[in-house]
Protein backbone atom coordinates (compact mmCIF):
# COMPACT_ATOMS: atom_id res chain seq x y z
CA MET A 1 -10.81 -25.21 17.35
CA PRO A 2 -8.34 -24.58 14.49
CA LYS A 3 -5.06 -22.86 15.23
CA GLN A 4 -4.74 -19.21 14.26
CA ASP A 5 -1.84 -19.06 11.82
CA ALA A 6 -0.98 -21.82 9.41
CA ALA A 7 2.49 -21.90 7.93
CA PRO A 8 3.07 -22.25 4.19
CA GLY A 9 4.91 -25.29 2.95
CA PRO A 10 4.22 -28.97 2.59
CA ARG A 11 2.07 -30.67 5.21
CA LYS A 12 3.37 -33.80 6.86
CA ALA A 13 1.46 -36.98 5.97
CA GLY A 14 -0.66 -38.76 8.56
CA ARG A 15 -1.72 -35.64 10.44
CA LYS A 16 -5.20 -34.56 11.39
CA PHE A 17 -7.00 -32.26 8.92
CA ASP A 18 -5.70 -28.71 9.39
CA TYR A 19 -8.69 -26.42 8.94
CA ASP A 20 -6.66 -23.26 9.26
CA ARG A 21 -4.21 -24.34 6.57
CA ALA A 22 -6.97 -25.51 4.24
CA ALA A 23 -8.80 -22.21 4.69
CA ALA A 24 -5.63 -20.25 3.98
CA VAL A 25 -4.97 -22.31 0.84
CA LEU A 26 -8.55 -21.81 -0.36
CA VAL A 27 -8.50 -18.06 0.25
CA ASP A 28 -5.15 -17.70 -1.51
CA ALA A 29 -6.42 -19.81 -4.41
CA GLU A 30 -9.53 -17.68 -4.69
CA LEU A 31 -7.88 -14.30 -4.36
CA LEU A 32 -4.47 -14.88 -5.95
CA GLY A 33 -5.07 -17.92 -8.13
CA ALA A 34 -4.53 -21.64 -7.74
CA ALA A 35 -1.01 -21.46 -9.18
CA HIS A 36 0.00 -19.04 -6.43
CA ALA A 37 -1.54 -21.25 -3.74
CA VAL A 38 0.22 -24.33 -5.16
CA LYS A 39 3.56 -22.56 -5.05
CA THR A 40 3.09 -20.88 -1.68
CA TRP A 41 1.57 -23.75 0.24
CA GLY A 42 3.28 -26.70 -1.45
CA VAL A 43 -0.02 -28.36 -2.35
CA SER A 44 -1.24 -29.80 -5.62
CA GLU A 45 -4.14 -28.63 -7.75
CA ALA A 46 -5.86 -31.89 -6.71
CA THR A 47 -5.54 -30.90 -3.04
CA ILE A 48 -7.11 -27.53 -3.75
CA SER A 49 -9.91 -29.33 -5.58
CA ARG A 50 -10.43 -31.65 -2.58
CA TYR A 51 -10.49 -28.65 -0.24
CA ARG A 52 -13.08 -26.95 -2.46
CA THR A 53 -15.24 -30.09 -2.44
CA ARG A 54 -14.96 -30.35 1.33
CA LEU A 55 -15.79 -26.64 1.69
CA GLU A 56 -19.24 -27.25 0.20
CA SER A 57 -20.28 -29.56 3.05
CA ASP A 58 -18.01 -28.73 6.01
CA PRO A 59 -19.35 -25.87 8.18
CA ILE A 60 -16.11 -25.68 10.21
CA LEU A 61 -14.06 -25.16 7.04
CA GLN A 62 -16.65 -22.65 5.78
CA ASP A 63 -16.28 -20.69 9.03
CA CYS A 64 -12.47 -20.77 8.81
CA VAL A 65 -12.55 -19.53 5.21
CA ARG A 66 -14.97 -16.75 6.18
CA GLN A 67 -12.65 -15.68 9.01
CA LYS A 68 -9.63 -15.69 6.70
CA LYS A 69 -11.48 -13.57 4.14
CA ASP A 70 -12.62 -11.15 6.83
CA GLY A 71 -9.03 -10.83 7.98
CA ARG A 72 -7.91 -10.07 4.42
CA ASP A 73 -10.67 -7.52 3.95
CA ALA A 74 -9.70 -5.65 7.10
CA PRO A 75 -8.19 -2.24 6.50
CA ALA A 76 -4.45 -2.26 6.19
CA PRO A 77 -2.59 -0.99 9.21
CA ILE A 78 -1.35 2.56 9.00
CA VAL A 79 2.32 2.52 8.19
CA HIS A 80 4.83 5.29 7.89
CA THR A 81 5.08 6.48 4.32
CA PRO A 82 8.39 8.23 3.82
CA SER A 83 8.30 11.85 2.72
CA VAL A 84 9.83 13.02 -0.52
CA GLN A 85 12.68 14.56 1.51
CA GLU A 86 13.42 11.23 3.23
CA VAL A 87 13.41 9.33 -0.03
CA THR A 88 15.47 11.90 -1.91
CA GLY A 89 17.97 11.96 0.95
CA ASP A 90 18.37 8.18 0.74
CA VAL A 91 18.63 8.26 -3.05
CA LEU A 92 21.18 11.08 -2.92
CA ALA A 93 23.30 9.13 -0.43
CA PHE A 94 23.13 6.08 -2.70
CA LEU A 95 24.10 8.09 -5.77
CA GLN A 96 27.01 9.72 -3.95
CA LYS A 97 28.28 6.31 -2.85
CA ALA A 98 27.89 4.96 -6.40
CA ALA A 99 29.78 7.96 -7.78
CA ARG A 100 32.62 7.47 -5.26
CA GLU A 101 32.91 3.70 -5.56
CA GLY A 102 31.94 3.10 -9.18
CA ASN A 103 34.39 2.64 -12.03
CA HIS A 104 34.91 6.17 -13.36
CA LYS A 105 36.09 4.80 -16.69
CA ASP A 106 32.97 2.68 -17.30
CA PRO A 107 30.49 4.67 -19.44
CA GLU A 108 27.56 2.60 -18.14
CA VAL A 109 28.37 3.54 -14.54
CA ILE A 110 28.67 7.20 -15.46
CA HIS A 111 25.42 7.07 -17.43
CA ALA A 112 23.58 5.31 -14.58
CA VAL A 113 24.79 7.73 -11.90
CA MET A 114 24.03 10.79 -14.01
CA GLY A 115 20.62 9.36 -14.90
CA GLY A 116 19.94 8.89 -11.20
CA TYR A 117 20.88 12.50 -10.48
CA LYS A 118 18.63 13.65 -13.33
CA VAL A 119 15.64 11.72 -11.99
CA LEU A 120 16.32 12.98 -8.46
CA ARG A 121 16.41 16.58 -9.71
CA GLU A 122 13.13 16.09 -11.60
CA VAL A 123 11.49 14.75 -8.45
CA GLN A 124 12.75 17.75 -6.47
CA LEU A 125 11.44 20.17 -9.10
CA ALA A 126 8.08 18.41 -9.19
CA GLU A 127 7.89 18.62 -5.39
CA ARG A 128 8.64 22.37 -5.48
CA SER A 129 6.03 22.90 -8.19
CA LEU A 130 3.42 21.00 -6.20
CA ASP A 131 4.29 22.90 -3.04
CA ALA A 132 3.91 26.22 -4.88
CA TYR A 133 0.61 25.12 -6.42
CA LEU A 134 -0.77 23.93 -3.09
CA ALA A 135 0.37 27.16 -1.39
CA ALA A 136 -1.42 29.19 -4.07
CA LEU A 137 -4.57 27.12 -3.59
CA ALA A 138 -4.38 27.57 0.17
CA ALA A 139 -3.92 31.33 -0.23
CA GLN A 140 -6.82 31.50 -2.67
CA SER A 141 -9.13 29.53 -0.39
CA THR A 142 -8.10 31.69 2.57
CA SER A 143 -8.80 34.91 0.67
CA LEU A 144 -12.12 33.50 -0.55
CA GLY A 145 -12.98 32.49 2.99
CA THR A 146 -12.18 36.01 4.23
CA PHE A 147 -14.25 37.51 1.45
CA GLN A 148 -17.14 35.21 2.19
CA SER A 149 -17.03 35.92 5.90
CA ASP A 150 -16.86 39.71 5.24
CA GLY A 151 -19.81 39.34 2.90
CA ALA A 152 -21.70 37.35 5.50
CA LYS A 153 -21.02 40.09 8.07
CA GLN A 154 -22.34 42.72 5.66
CA LEU A 155 -25.47 40.70 5.02
CA SER A 156 -25.95 40.10 8.71
CA SER A 157 -25.56 43.77 9.63
CA ALA A 158 -27.87 44.80 6.78
CA SER A 159 -30.60 42.48 7.97
CA THR A 160 -30.33 43.59 11.60
CA GLY A 161 -29.82 47.25 10.78
CA THR A 162 -26.58 47.46 12.79
CA PRO A 163 -23.40 48.86 11.27
CA ASN A 164 -20.27 46.72 10.84
């Protein structure tokens, strides 16, 4: 059975055929291009060609490639995406440090720091605008929901003959 994780880099000569590595090289070559696989795995184009030829007739290699592809097609794990507040806090801290430590006489430093503050302010304004827009949408959908439920009550009471 092939090992689970093959490491990129050149393979040592005289070793047994590494199905896992060959499968990883083939999947990378297919998905990211042969040039990427050559660079990442330290193989030649000729090696990739030999792996492709072997893939046509080797069921073990076919199975390994299929498993590698299935692993790549799996949904990405859920990772923490920082909020706008977290990012702007980090950017603000960076800009403050740059303003303190930068050369105050260098116009490029001044321009870069001020440009950073400008972009940060634009992001904050965009966030506020989006928050206001989303709040208005939420309020509108809530009022529509109330209206619809009141209307449904009126229809229900009308059909049953009972007052609200």
